[in-house]
ModelCIF file with pLDDT and N, C-alpha, C, O atoms, coordinates in Angstrom:
data_MODEL
#
_entry.id   MODEL 
#
_entity.id                         1 
_entity.type                       polymer 
_entity.pdbx_number_of_molecules   1 
#
_entity_poly.entity_id                      1 
_entity_poly.type                           'polypeptide(L)' 
_entity_poly.nstd_linkage                   no 
_entity_poly.nstd_monomer                   no 
_entity_poly.pdbx_seq_one_letter_code       
;(UNK)(UNK)(UNK)(UNK)(UNK)(UNK)(UNK)(UNK)(UNK)(UNK)(UNK)(UNK)(UNK)(UNK)(UNK)(UNK)
(UNK)(UNK)(UNK)(UNK)(UNK)(UNK)(UNK)(UNK)(UNK)(UNK)(UNK)(UNK)(UNK)(UNK)(UNK)(UNK)
(UNK)(UNK)(UNK)(UNK)(UNK)(UNK)(UNK)(UNK)(UNK)(UNK)
;
_entity_poly.pdbx_seq_one_letter_code_can   XXXXXXXXXXXXXXXXXXXXXXXXXXXXXXXXXXXXXXXXXX 
_entity_poly.pdbx_strand_id                 A 
#
loop_
_entity_poly_seq.entity_id 
_entity_poly_seq.num 
_entity_poly_seq.mon_id 
_entity_poly_seq.hetero 
1 1  UNK n 
1 2  UNK n 
1 3  UNK n 
1 4  UNK n 
1 5  UNK n 
1 6  UNK n 
1 7  UNK n 
1 8  UNK n 
1 9  UNK n 
1 10 UNK n 
1 11 UNK n 
1 12 UNK n 
1 13 UNK n 
1 14 UNK n 
1 15 UNK n 
1 16 UNK n 
1 17 UNK n 
1 18 UNK n 
1 19 UNK n 
1 20 UNK n 
1 21 UNK n 
1 22 UNK n 
1 23 UNK n 
1 24 UNK n 
1 25 UNK n 
1 26 UNK n 
1 27 UNK n 
1 28 UNK n 
1 29 UNK n 
1 30 UNK n 
1 31 UNK n 
1 32 UNK n 
1 33 UNK n 
1 34 UNK n 
1 35 UNK n 
1 36 UNK n 
1 37 UNK n 
1 38 UNK n 
1 39 UNK n 
1 40 UNK n 
1 41 UNK n 
1 42 UNK n 
#
_struct_asym.id          A 
_struct_asym.entity_id   1 
#
loop_
_ma_qa_metric.id 
_ma_qa_metric.mode 
_ma_qa_metric.name 
_ma_qa_metric.software_group_id 
_ma_qa_metric.type 
1 global pLDDT . pLDDT 
2 local  pLDDT . pLDDT 
#
_ma_qa_metric_global.metric_id      1 
_ma_qa_metric_global.metric_value   83.88 
_ma_qa_metric_global.model_id       1 
_ma_qa_metric_global.ordinal_id     1 
#
loop_
_ma_qa_metric_local.label_asym_id 
_ma_qa_metric_local.label_comp_id 
_ma_qa_metric_local.label_seq_id 
_ma_qa_metric_local.metric_id 
_ma_qa_metric_local.metric_value 
_ma_qa_metric_local.model_id 
_ma_qa_metric_local.ordinal_id 
A UNK 1  2 92.00 1 1  
A UNK 2  2 90.00 1 2  
A UNK 3  2 87.00 1 3  
A UNK 4  2 78.00 1 4  
A UNK 5  2 70.00 1 5  
A UNK 6  2 63.00 1 6  
A UNK 7  2 59.00 1 7  
A UNK 8  2 58.00 1 8  
A UNK 9  2 67.00 1 9  
A UNK 10 2 71.00 1 10 
A UNK 11 2 79.00 1 11 
A UNK 12 2 80.00 1 12 
A UNK 13 2 91.00 1 13 
A UNK 14 2 93.00 1 14 
A UNK 15 2 95.00 1 15 
A UNK 16 2 94.00 1 16 
A UNK 17 2 94.00 1 17 
A UNK 18 2 94.00 1 18 
A UNK 19 2 93.00 1 19 
A UNK 20 2 91.00 1 20 
A UNK 21 2 88.00 1 21 
A UNK 22 2 88.00 1 22 
A UNK 23 2 87.00 1 23 
A UNK 24 2 87.00 1 24 
A UNK 25 2 79.00 1 25 
A UNK 26 2 71.00 1 26 
A UNK 27 2 68.00 1 27 
A UNK 28 2 61.00 1 28 
A UNK 29 2 59.00 1 29 
A UNK 30 2 72.00 1 30 
A UNK 31 2 84.00 1 31 
A UNK 32 2 92.00 1 32 
A UNK 33 2 92.00 1 33 
A UNK 34 2 94.00 1 34 
A UNK 35 2 96.00 1 35 
A UNK 36 2 97.00 1 36 
A UNK 37 2 97.00 1 37 
A UNK 38 2 97.00 1 38 
A UNK 39 2 95.00 1 39 
A UNK 40 2 95.00 1 40 
A UNK 41 2 92.00 1 41 
A UNK 42 2 93.00 1 42 
#
loop_
_atom_site.group_PDB 
_atom_site.id 
_atom_site.type_symbol 
_atom_site.label_atom_id 
_atom_site.label_alt_id 
_atom_site.label_comp_id 
_atom_site.label_asym_id 
_atom_site.label_entity_id 
_atom_site.label_seq_id 
_atom_site.pdbx_PDB_ins_code 
_atom_site.Cartn_x 
_atom_site.Cartn_y 
_atom_site.Cartn_z 
_atom_site.occupancy 
_atom_site.B_iso_or_equiv 
_atom_site.pdbx_formal_charge 
_atom_site.auth_seq_id 
_atom_site.auth_comp_id 
_atom_site.auth_asym_id 
_atom_site.auth_atom_id 
_atom_site.pdbx_PDB_model_num 
ATOM 1   N N  . UNK A 1 1  ? 122.910 67.800 100.931 1.00 92.00 ? 1  UNK A N  1 
ATOM 2   C CA . UNK A 1 1  ? 122.572 67.518 99.548  1.00 92.00 ? 1  UNK A CA 1 
ATOM 3   C C  . UNK A 1 1  ? 121.159 66.977 99.517  1.00 92.00 ? 1  UNK A C  1 
ATOM 4   O O  . UNK A 1 1  ? 120.659 66.481 100.527 1.00 92.00 ? 1  UNK A O  1 
ATOM 5   N N  . UNK A 1 2  ? 120.520 67.067 98.381  1.00 90.00 ? 2  UNK A N  1 
ATOM 6   C CA . UNK A 1 2  ? 119.153 66.572 98.278  1.00 90.00 ? 2  UNK A CA 1 
ATOM 7   C C  . UNK A 1 2  ? 118.980 65.877 96.943  1.00 90.00 ? 2  UNK A C  1 
ATOM 8   O O  . UNK A 1 2  ? 119.668 66.183 95.969  1.00 90.00 ? 2  UNK A O  1 
ATOM 9   N N  . UNK A 1 3  ? 118.062 64.950 96.915  1.00 87.00 ? 3  UNK A N  1 
ATOM 10  C CA . UNK A 1 3  ? 117.775 64.194 95.719  1.00 87.00 ? 3  UNK A CA 1 
ATOM 11  C C  . UNK A 1 3  ? 116.290 63.874 95.693  1.00 87.00 ? 3  UNK A C  1 
ATOM 12  O O  . UNK A 1 3  ? 115.728 63.392 96.676  1.00 87.00 ? 3  UNK A O  1 
ATOM 13  N N  . UNK A 1 4  ? 115.673 64.144 94.576  1.00 78.00 ? 4  UNK A N  1 
ATOM 14  C CA . UNK A 1 4  ? 114.264 63.796 94.440  1.00 78.00 ? 4  UNK A CA 1 
ATOM 15  C C  . UNK A 1 4  ? 113.964 63.532 92.977  1.00 78.00 ? 4  UNK A C  1 
ATOM 16  O O  . UNK A 1 4  ? 114.621 64.060 92.080  1.00 78.00 ? 4  UNK A O  1 
ATOM 17  N N  . UNK A 1 5  ? 112.964 62.709 92.761  1.00 70.00 ? 5  UNK A N  1 
ATOM 18  C CA . UNK A 1 5  ? 112.572 62.342 91.398  1.00 70.00 ? 5  UNK A CA 1 
ATOM 19  C C  . UNK A 1 5  ? 111.848 63.476 90.710  1.00 70.00 ? 5  UNK A C  1 
ATOM 20  O O  . UNK A 1 5  ? 111.574 64.510 91.320  1.00 70.00 ? 5  UNK A O  1 
ATOM 21  N N  . UNK A 1 6  ? 111.534 63.284 89.428  1.00 63.00 ? 6  UNK A N  1 
ATOM 22  C CA . UNK A 1 6  ? 110.869 64.341 88.661  1.00 63.00 ? 6  UNK A CA 1 
ATOM 23  C C  . UNK A 1 6  ? 109.416 64.572 89.079  1.00 63.00 ? 6  UNK A C  1 
ATOM 24  O O  . UNK A 1 6  ? 108.816 65.589 88.730  1.00 63.00 ? 6  UNK A O  1 
ATOM 25  N N  . UNK A 1 7  ? 108.858 63.620 89.829  1.00 59.00 ? 7  UNK A N  1 
ATOM 26  C CA . UNK A 1 7  ? 107.466 63.781 90.273  1.00 59.00 ? 7  UNK A CA 1 
ATOM 27  C C  . UNK A 1 7  ? 107.411 64.829 91.373  1.00 59.00 ? 7  UNK A C  1 
ATOM 28  O O  . UNK A 1 7  ? 108.297 64.888 92.226  1.00 59.00 ? 7  UNK A O  1 
ATOM 29  N N  . UNK A 1 8  ? 106.383 65.646 91.354  1.00 58.00 ? 8  UNK A N  1 
ATOM 30  C CA . UNK A 1 8  ? 106.229 66.656 92.411  1.00 58.00 ? 8  UNK A CA 1 
ATOM 31  C C  . UNK A 1 8  ? 105.867 65.985 93.725  1.00 58.00 ? 8  UNK A C  1 
ATOM 32  O O  . UNK A 1 8  ? 106.346 66.395 94.782  1.00 58.00 ? 8  UNK A O  1 
ATOM 33  N N  . UNK A 1 9  ? 105.027 64.960 93.670  1.00 67.00 ? 9  UNK A N  1 
ATOM 34  C CA . UNK A 1 9  ? 104.619 64.258 94.874  1.00 67.00 ? 9  UNK A CA 1 
ATOM 35  C C  . UNK A 1 9  ? 104.651 62.755 94.598  1.00 67.00 ? 9  UNK A C  1 
ATOM 36  O O  . UNK A 1 9  ? 104.336 62.309 93.495  1.00 67.00 ? 9  UNK A O  1 
ATOM 37  N N  . UNK A 1 10 ? 105.029 61.993 95.599  1.00 71.00 ? 10 UNK A N  1 
ATOM 38  C CA . UNK A 1 10 ? 104.971 60.553 95.487  1.00 71.00 ? 10 UNK A CA 1 
ATOM 39  C C  . UNK A 1 10 ? 106.238 59.867 95.030  1.00 71.00 ? 10 UNK A C  1 
ATOM 40  O O  . UNK A 1 10 ? 106.359 58.651 95.183  1.00 71.00 ? 10 UNK A O  1 
ATOM 41  N N  . UNK A 1 11 ? 107.186 60.601 94.474  1.00 79.00 ? 11 UNK A N  1 
ATOM 42  C CA . UNK A 1 11 ? 108.438 60.000 94.037  1.00 79.00 ? 11 UNK A CA 1 
ATOM 43  C C  . UNK A 1 11 ? 109.428 59.912 95.186  1.00 79.00 ? 11 UNK A C  1 
ATOM 44  O O  . UNK A 1 11 ? 109.228 60.512 96.243  1.00 79.00 ? 11 UNK A O  1 
ATOM 45  N N  . UNK A 1 12 ? 110.493 59.161 94.968  1.00 80.00 ? 12 UNK A N  1 
ATOM 46  C CA . UNK A 1 12 ? 111.525 59.025 95.991  1.00 80.00 ? 12 UNK A CA 1 
ATOM 47  C C  . UNK A 1 12 ? 112.174 60.360 96.284  1.00 80.00 ? 12 UNK A C  1 
ATOM 48  O O  . UNK A 1 12 ? 112.379 61.179 95.389  1.00 80.00 ? 12 UNK A O  1 
ATOM 49  N N  . UNK A 1 13 ? 112.494 60.567 97.543  1.00 91.00 ? 13 UNK A N  1 
ATOM 50  C CA . UNK A 1 13 ? 113.061 61.843 97.974  1.00 91.00 ? 13 UNK A CA 1 
ATOM 51  C C  . UNK A 1 13 ? 114.004 61.581 99.136  1.00 91.00 ? 13 UNK A C  1 
ATOM 52  O O  . UNK A 1 13 ? 113.712 60.766 100.011 1.00 91.00 ? 13 UNK A O  1 
ATOM 53  N N  . UNK A 1 14 ? 115.149 62.284 99.141  1.00 93.00 ? 14 UNK A N  1 
ATOM 54  C CA . UNK A 1 14 ? 116.042 62.143 100.280 1.00 93.00 ? 14 UNK A CA 1 
ATOM 55  C C  . UNK A 1 14 ? 116.851 63.415 100.454 1.00 93.00 ? 14 UNK A C  1 
ATOM 56  O O  . UNK A 1 14 ? 117.040 64.202 99.526  1.00 93.00 ? 14 UNK A O  1 
ATOM 57  N N  . UNK A 1 15 ? 117.319 63.584 101.677 1.00 95.00 ? 15 UNK A N  1 
ATOM 58  C CA . UNK A 1 15 ? 118.186 64.693 102.033 1.00 95.00 ? 15 UNK A CA 1 
ATOM 59  C C  . UNK A 1 15 ? 119.316 64.115 102.866 1.00 95.00 ? 15 UNK A C  1 
ATOM 60  O O  . UNK A 1 15 ? 119.069 63.438 103.865 1.00 95.00 ? 15 UNK A O  1 
ATOM 61  N N  . UNK A 1 16 ? 120.554 64.376 102.465 1.00 94.00 ? 16 UNK A N  1 
ATOM 62  C CA . UNK A 1 16 ? 121.721 63.897 103.198 1.00 94.00 ? 16 UNK A CA 1 
ATOM 63  C C  . UNK A 1 16 ? 122.404 65.085 103.860 1.00 94.00 ? 16 UNK A C  1 
ATOM 64  O O  . UNK A 1 16 ? 122.669 66.101 103.216 1.00 94.00 ? 16 UNK A O  1 
ATOM 65  N N  . UNK A 1 17 ? 122.682 64.950 105.140 1.00 94.00 ? 17 UNK A N  1 
ATOM 66  C CA . UNK A 1 17 ? 123.352 66.007 105.892 1.00 94.00 ? 17 UNK A CA 1 
ATOM 67  C C  . UNK A 1 17 ? 124.624 65.416 106.470 1.00 94.00 ? 17 UNK A C  1 
ATOM 68  O O  . UNK A 1 17 ? 124.584 64.427 107.201 1.00 94.00 ? 17 UNK A O  1 
ATOM 69  N N  . UNK A 1 18 ? 125.759 66.031 106.137 1.00 94.00 ? 18 UNK A N  1 
ATOM 70  C CA . UNK A 1 18 ? 127.057 65.640 106.685 1.00 94.00 ? 18 UNK A CA 1 
ATOM 71  C C  . UNK A 1 18 ? 127.384 66.686 107.756 1.00 94.00 ? 18 UNK A C  1 
ATOM 72  O O  . UNK A 1 18 ? 127.367 67.885 107.476 1.00 94.00 ? 18 UNK A O  1 
ATOM 73  N N  . UNK A 1 19 ? 127.679 66.238 108.972 1.00 93.00 ? 19 UNK A N  1 
ATOM 74  C CA . UNK A 1 19 ? 127.919 67.121 110.105 1.00 93.00 ? 19 UNK A CA 1 
ATOM 75  C C  . UNK A 1 19 ? 129.286 66.775 110.707 1.00 93.00 ? 19 UNK A C  1 
ATOM 76  O O  . UNK A 1 19 ? 129.594 65.608 110.948 1.00 93.00 ? 19 UNK A O  1 
ATOM 77  N N  . UNK A 1 20 ? 130.096 67.809 110.946 1.00 91.00 ? 20 UNK A N  1 
ATOM 78  C CA . UNK A 1 20 ? 131.442 67.555 111.435 1.00 91.00 ? 20 UNK A CA 1 
ATOM 79  C C  . UNK A 1 20 ? 131.951 68.780 112.207 1.00 91.00 ? 20 UNK A C  1 
ATOM 80  O O  . UNK A 1 20 ? 131.587 69.911 111.885 1.00 91.00 ? 20 UNK A O  1 
ATOM 81  N N  . UNK A 1 21 ? 132.781 68.559 113.210 1.00 88.00 ? 21 UNK A N  1 
ATOM 82  C CA . UNK A 1 21 ? 133.443 69.666 113.908 1.00 88.00 ? 21 UNK A CA 1 
ATOM 83  C C  . UNK A 1 21 ? 134.581 70.239 113.058 1.00 88.00 ? 21 UNK A C  1 
ATOM 84  O O  . UNK A 1 21 ? 134.832 71.445 113.074 1.00 88.00 ? 21 UNK A O  1 
ATOM 85  N N  . UNK A 1 22 ? 135.263 69.369 112.320 1.00 88.00 ? 22 UNK A N  1 
ATOM 86  C CA . UNK A 1 22 ? 136.389 69.789 111.485 1.00 88.00 ? 22 UNK A CA 1 
ATOM 87  C C  . UNK A 1 22 ? 135.944 70.031 110.048 1.00 88.00 ? 22 UNK A C  1 
ATOM 88  O O  . UNK A 1 22 ? 134.768 70.263 109.767 1.00 88.00 ? 22 UNK A O  1 
ATOM 89  N N  . UNK A 1 23 ? 136.924 69.970 109.149 1.00 87.00 ? 23 UNK A N  1 
ATOM 90  C CA . UNK A 1 23 ? 136.636 70.172 107.735 1.00 87.00 ? 23 UNK A CA 1 
ATOM 91  C C  . UNK A 1 23 ? 135.912 68.967 107.155 1.00 87.00 ? 23 UNK A C  1 
ATOM 92  O O  . UNK A 1 23 ? 136.143 67.828 107.561 1.00 87.00 ? 23 UNK A O  1 
ATOM 93  N N  . UNK A 1 24 ? 135.046 69.236 106.212 1.00 87.00 ? 24 UNK A N  1 
ATOM 94  C CA . UNK A 1 24 ? 134.351 68.179 105.492 1.00 87.00 ? 24 UNK A CA 1 
ATOM 95  C C  . UNK A 1 24 ? 135.018 68.108 104.123 1.00 87.00 ? 24 UNK A C  1 
ATOM 96  O O  . UNK A 1 24 ? 134.884 69.019 103.305 1.00 87.00 ? 24 UNK A O  1 
ATOM 97  N N  . UNK A 1 25 ? 135.734 67.020 103.885 1.00 79.00 ? 25 UNK A N  1 
ATOM 98  C CA . UNK A 1 25 ? 136.484 66.947 102.641 1.00 79.00 ? 25 UNK A CA 1 
ATOM 99  C C  . UNK A 1 25 ? 135.955 65.901 101.664 1.00 79.00 ? 25 UNK A C  1 
ATOM 100 O O  . UNK A 1 25 ? 136.505 65.753 100.573 1.00 79.00 ? 25 UNK A O  1 
ATOM 101 N N  . UNK A 1 26 ? 134.917 65.187 102.025 1.00 71.00 ? 26 UNK A N  1 
ATOM 102 C CA . UNK A 1 26 ? 134.336 64.193 101.120 1.00 71.00 ? 26 UNK A CA 1 
ATOM 103 C C  . UNK A 1 26 ? 132.835 64.147 101.310 1.00 71.00 ? 26 UNK A C  1 
ATOM 104 O O  . UNK A 1 26 ? 132.348 64.060 102.437 1.00 71.00 ? 26 UNK A O  1 
ATOM 105 N N  . UNK A 1 27 ? 132.104 64.206 100.215 1.00 68.00 ? 27 UNK A N  1 
ATOM 106 C CA . UNK A 1 27 ? 130.650 64.154 100.297 1.00 68.00 ? 27 UNK A CA 1 
ATOM 107 C C  . UNK A 1 27 ? 130.111 62.784 99.890  1.00 68.00 ? 27 UNK A C  1 
ATOM 108 O O  . UNK A 1 27 ? 129.026 62.385 100.312 1.00 68.00 ? 27 UNK A O  1 
ATOM 109 N N  . UNK A 1 28 ? 130.868 62.076 99.078  1.00 61.00 ? 28 UNK A N  1 
ATOM 110 C CA . UNK A 1 28 ? 130.383 60.794 98.584  1.00 61.00 ? 28 UNK A CA 1 
ATOM 111 C C  . UNK A 1 28 ? 131.147 59.656 99.273  1.00 61.00 ? 28 UNK A C  1 
ATOM 112 O O  . UNK A 1 28 ? 132.226 59.847 99.834  1.00 61.00 ? 28 UNK A O  1 
ATOM 113 N N  . UNK A 1 29 ? 130.552 58.489 99.207  1.00 59.00 ? 29 UNK A N  1 
ATOM 114 C CA . UNK A 1 29 ? 131.245 57.310 99.684  1.00 59.00 ? 29 UNK A CA 1 
ATOM 115 C C  . UNK A 1 29 ? 131.024 56.970 101.138 1.00 59.00 ? 29 UNK A C  1 
ATOM 116 O O  . UNK A 1 29 ? 131.515 55.943 101.606 1.00 59.00 ? 29 UNK A O  1 
ATOM 117 N N  . UNK A 1 30 ? 130.308 57.791 101.862 1.00 72.00 ? 30 UNK A N  1 
ATOM 118 C CA . UNK A 1 30 ? 130.062 57.463 103.256 1.00 72.00 ? 30 UNK A CA 1 
ATOM 119 C C  . UNK A 1 30 ? 128.666 56.868 103.388 1.00 72.00 ? 30 UNK A C  1 
ATOM 120 O O  . UNK A 1 30 ? 127.713 57.338 102.768 1.00 72.00 ? 30 UNK A O  1 
ATOM 121 N N  . UNK A 1 31 ? 128.567 55.843 104.193 1.00 84.00 ? 31 UNK A N  1 
ATOM 122 C CA . UNK A 1 31 ? 127.272 55.259 104.499 1.00 84.00 ? 31 UNK A CA 1 
ATOM 123 C C  . UNK A 1 31 ? 126.660 56.076 105.630 1.00 84.00 ? 31 UNK A C  1 
ATOM 124 O O  . UNK A 1 31 ? 127.388 56.536 106.510 1.00 84.00 ? 31 UNK A O  1 
ATOM 125 N N  . UNK A 1 32 ? 125.350 56.270 105.634 1.00 92.00 ? 32 UNK A N  1 
ATOM 126 C CA . UNK A 1 32 ? 124.749 57.043 106.723 1.00 92.00 ? 32 UNK A CA 1 
ATOM 127 C C  . UNK A 1 32 ? 124.868 56.342 108.079 1.00 92.00 ? 32 UNK A C  1 
ATOM 128 O O  . UNK A 1 32 ? 124.657 55.135 108.195 1.00 92.00 ? 32 UNK A O  1 
ATOM 129 N N  . UNK A 1 33 ? 125.214 57.135 109.100 1.00 92.00 ? 33 UNK A N  1 
ATOM 130 C CA . UNK A 1 33 ? 125.207 56.643 110.468 1.00 92.00 ? 33 UNK A CA 1 
ATOM 131 C C  . UNK A 1 33 ? 123.772 56.623 110.992 1.00 92.00 ? 33 UNK A C  1 
ATOM 132 O O  . UNK A 1 33 ? 123.413 55.824 111.857 1.00 92.00 ? 33 UNK A O  1 
ATOM 133 N N  . UNK A 1 34 ? 122.964 57.533 110.436 1.00 94.00 ? 34 UNK A N  1 
ATOM 134 C CA . UNK A 1 34 ? 121.579 57.693 110.861 1.00 94.00 ? 34 UNK A CA 1 
ATOM 135 C C  . UNK A 1 34 ? 120.700 57.691 109.634 1.00 94.00 ? 34 UNK A C  1 
ATOM 136 O O  . UNK A 1 34 ? 120.974 58.392 108.659 1.00 94.00 ? 34 UNK A O  1 
ATOM 137 N N  . UNK A 1 35 ? 119.639 56.901 109.682 1.00 96.00 ? 35 UNK A N  1 
ATOM 138 C CA . UNK A 1 35 ? 118.697 56.822 108.572 1.00 96.00 ? 35 UNK A CA 1 
ATOM 139 C C  . UNK A 1 35 ? 117.296 57.011 109.112 1.00 96.00 ? 35 UNK A C  1 
ATOM 140 O O  . UNK A 1 35 ? 116.885 56.351 110.067 1.00 96.00 ? 35 UNK A O  1 
ATOM 141 N N  . UNK A 1 36 ? 116.564 57.926 108.482 1.00 97.00 ? 36 UNK A N  1 
ATOM 142 C CA . UNK A 1 36 ? 115.164 58.160 108.818 1.00 97.00 ? 36 UNK A CA 1 
ATOM 143 C C  . UNK A 1 36 ? 114.345 57.831 107.573 1.00 97.00 ? 36 UNK A C  1 
ATOM 144 O O  . UNK A 1 36 ? 114.613 58.356 106.492 1.00 97.00 ? 36 UNK A O  1 
ATOM 145 N N  . UNK A 1 37 ? 113.346 56.960 107.728 1.00 97.00 ? 37 UNK A N  1 
ATOM 146 C CA . UNK A 1 37 ? 112.472 56.596 106.611 1.00 97.00 ? 37 UNK A CA 1 
ATOM 147 C C  . UNK A 1 37 ? 111.026 56.914 106.968 1.00 97.00 ? 37 UNK A C  1 
ATOM 148 O O  . UNK A 1 37 ? 110.476 56.384 107.934 1.00 97.00 ? 37 UNK A O  1 
ATOM 149 N N  . UNK A 1 38 ? 110.425 57.785 106.173 1.00 97.00 ? 38 UNK A N  1 
ATOM 150 C CA . UNK A 1 38 ? 109.033 58.180 106.416 1.00 97.00 ? 38 UNK A CA 1 
ATOM 151 C C  . UNK A 1 38 ? 108.055 57.411 105.541 1.00 97.00 ? 38 UNK A C  1 
ATOM 152 O O  . UNK A 1 38 ? 106.843 57.588 105.664 1.00 97.00 ? 38 UNK A O  1 
ATOM 153 N N  . UNK A 1 39 ? 108.575 56.548 104.651 1.00 95.00 ? 39 UNK A N  1 
ATOM 154 C CA . UNK A 1 39 ? 107.681 55.756 103.788 1.00 95.00 ? 39 UNK A CA 1 
ATOM 155 C C  . UNK A 1 39 ? 108.294 54.382 103.543 1.00 95.00 ? 39 UNK A C  1 
ATOM 156 O O  . UNK A 1 39 ? 109.497 54.177 103.709 1.00 95.00 ? 39 UNK A O  1 
ATOM 157 N N  . UNK A 1 40 ? 107.434 53.448 103.142 1.00 95.00 ? 40 UNK A N  1 
ATOM 158 C CA . UNK A 1 40 ? 107.918 52.105 102.828 1.00 95.00 ? 40 UNK A CA 1 
ATOM 159 C C  . UNK A 1 40 ? 108.847 52.161 101.617 1.00 95.00 ? 40 UNK A C  1 
ATOM 160 O O  . UNK A 1 40 ? 109.865 51.470 101.583 1.00 95.00 ? 40 UNK A O  1 
ATOM 161 N N  . UNK A 1 41 ? 108.502 52.975 100.630 1.00 92.00 ? 41 UNK A N  1 
ATOM 162 C CA . UNK A 1 41 ? 109.334 53.127 99.431  1.00 92.00 ? 41 UNK A CA 1 
ATOM 163 C C  . UNK A 1 41 ? 110.748 53.571 99.818  1.00 92.00 ? 41 UNK A C  1 
ATOM 164 O O  . UNK A 1 41 ? 111.731 53.043 99.297  1.00 92.00 ? 41 UNK A O  1 
ATOM 165 N N  . UNK A 1 42 ? 110.847 54.522 100.714 1.00 93.00 ? 42 UNK A N  1 
ATOM 166 C CA . UNK A 1 42 ? 112.163 55.013 101.148 1.00 93.00 ? 42 UNK A CA 1 
ATOM 167 C C  . UNK A 1 42 ? 112.916 53.926 101.909 1.00 93.00 ? 42 UNK A C  1 
ATOM 168 O O  . UNK A 1 42 ? 114.041 54.150 102.354 1.00 93.00 ? 42 UNK A O  1 
#
């Protein structure tokens, strides 16, 4: 899933990737195990 503000550049932006060997039955409600931040704002 992806989320970004209405600004073309400079606004908050994120991409969430859920990875599993089995079925993925929930997209919301999980805290990230891994977080990558490329900016102070993020």
